[in-house]
Amino acid sequence: MAAGPMLAAPAAFAGDAGLVAKKRVAPVYPRGAERRKIEGHVVVTYNVNTDGSVSDVAVAEAVPEGVFDDAAVKAVSKWKYKPIESPVKGARAKIGFKLQS
C-alpha cells in the first residue's frame, strides 16, 4: 500500500486567542513534493475580519522555502471563524506537511 500525504492539524499561536474556528480547509499536498518525498511546514500570518473571514494571508516562515507556500496560503484563505467584535490582526498558524510511512 502506497504512503500518502498527511497534513498536521494547524497549530494555534498567541494571535489566535479568543478565535473560534468554524471552518478549516486542509491544504493540498503539492504533487511534486509528494513525488520527491519532501516534508516541511509553513507558518502563515493573517487577519480575521469581524464577519469571521480571513484576509491578508502571508507566509512568515517556510521550510523548505517555496515548496508548500502556495498550498498553505490558499487553504488558510478559505478558513472561517465565528464573527467577532473587533478584527484580529497578525493571527498565526503553523501547518505541517508530512508523508505517511
Protein backbone atom coordinates (compact mmCIF):
# COMPACT_ATOMS: atom_id res chain seq x y z
CA MET A 1 0.00 0.00 0.00
CA ALA A 2 1.43 3.37 -1.03
CA ALA A 3 2.07 6.02 1.54
CA GLY A 4 0.07 9.20 1.15
CA PRO A 5 0.41 12.74 2.35
CA MET A 6 -0.55 13.63 5.88
CA LEU A 7 -1.23 17.15 7.00
CA ALA A 8 -0.79 18.11 10.60
CA ALA A 9 -3.59 19.97 12.32
CA PRO A 10 -2.77 23.66 12.25
CA ALA A 11 -1.14 24.79 15.45
CA ALA A 12 -2.66 27.88 17.03
CA PHE A 13 -0.42 30.71 18.15
CA ALA A 14 -0.97 33.55 20.61
CA GLY A 15 -2.58 35.70 17.90
CA ASP A 16 -5.46 33.22 17.75
CA ALA A 17 -6.59 33.83 21.34
CA GLY A 18 -10.36 34.10 21.55
CA LEU A 19 -10.97 32.97 17.97
CA VAL A 20 -13.32 30.05 17.37
CA ALA A 21 -12.80 28.23 14.07
CA LYS A 22 -15.94 27.35 12.10
CA LYS A 23 -14.18 26.00 9.01
CA ARG A 24 -10.58 24.96 8.43
CA VAL A 25 -9.67 23.83 4.94
CA ALA A 26 -6.69 21.49 4.73
CA PRO A 27 -4.07 22.37 2.13
CA VAL A 28 -3.47 20.15 -0.89
CA TYR A 29 -0.10 18.41 -0.67
CA PRO A 30 1.82 19.50 -3.79
CA ARG A 31 2.29 16.52 -6.12
CA GLY A 32 5.90 17.41 -6.91
CA ALA A 33 6.75 17.47 -3.21
CA GLU A 34 4.94 14.20 -2.62
CA ARG A 35 6.70 12.56 -5.56
CA ARG A 36 10.10 13.78 -4.30
CA LYS A 37 9.21 12.82 -0.71
CA ILE A 38 9.67 16.37 0.59
CA GLU A 39 8.25 17.26 4.01
CA GLY A 40 8.16 20.57 5.84
CA HIS A 41 5.98 23.27 7.33
CA VAL A 42 4.68 26.77 6.70
CA VAL A 43 3.90 29.45 9.27
CA VAL A 44 1.33 31.91 7.95
CA THR A 45 0.11 35.21 9.34
CA TYR A 46 -3.36 36.52 8.59
CA ASN A 47 -6.09 38.87 9.73
CA VAL A 48 -9.56 37.83 10.88
CA ASN A 49 -12.36 40.24 9.98
CA THR A 50 -15.42 40.90 12.16
CA ASP A 51 -17.53 38.56 9.96
CA GLY A 52 -15.04 35.74 10.63
CA SER A 53 -13.46 35.77 7.19
CA VAL A 54 -9.69 35.66 6.75
CA SER A 55 -7.67 38.22 4.80
CA ASP A 56 -4.08 39.26 4.11
CA VAL A 57 -2.63 35.76 4.38
CA ALA A 58 1.17 35.83 4.14
CA VAL A 59 3.99 33.36 4.64
CA ALA A 60 6.11 34.19 7.70
CA GLU A 61 8.29 31.06 7.55
CA ALA A 62 8.58 28.13 5.18
CA VAL A 63 10.74 25.02 5.43
CA PRO A 64 11.77 24.32 2.72
CA GLU A 65 11.15 27.70 1.11
CA GLY A 66 8.79 27.87 -1.85
CA VAL A 67 7.55 24.26 -1.76
CA PHE A 68 4.39 24.45 0.36
CA ASP A 69 3.81 28.23 0.44
CA ASP A 70 1.03 28.41 -2.17
CA ALA A 71 -0.85 25.41 -0.76
CA ALA A 72 -0.81 26.86 2.76
CA VAL A 73 -1.90 30.36 1.66
CA LYS A 74 -4.75 29.01 -0.49
CA ALA A 75 -6.05 26.82 2.34
CA VAL A 76 -5.87 29.46 5.09
CA SER A 77 -7.58 31.99 2.81
CA LYS A 78 -10.67 29.72 2.93
CA TRP A 79 -10.77 29.43 6.73
CA LYS A 80 -13.75 30.90 8.61
CA TYR A 81 -14.13 31.90 12.24
CA LYS A 82 -17.17 32.78 14.30
CA PRO A 83 -17.95 36.52 13.97
CA ILE A 84 -16.04 38.74 16.39
CA GLU A 85 -16.49 42.29 17.69
CA SER A 86 -13.09 43.65 16.63
CA PRO A 87 -10.85 42.50 13.80
CA VAL A 88 -7.76 40.49 14.75
CA LYS A 89 -4.53 41.36 13.01
CA GLY A 90 -1.49 39.12 12.96
CA ALA A 91 -3.06 35.76 13.80
CA ARG A 92 -0.61 32.92 13.07
CA ALA A 93 -0.84 29.23 12.27
CA LYS A 94 1.77 26.57 11.57
CA ILE A 95 0.78 23.96 9.01
CA GLY A 96 2.85 20.78 8.79
CA PHE A 97 3.30 18.74 5.63
CA LYS A 98 4.39 15.16 6.38
CA LEU A 99 4.25 11.97 4.34
CA GLN A 100 2.81 8.88 5.98
CA SER A 101 5.15 5.93 6.25
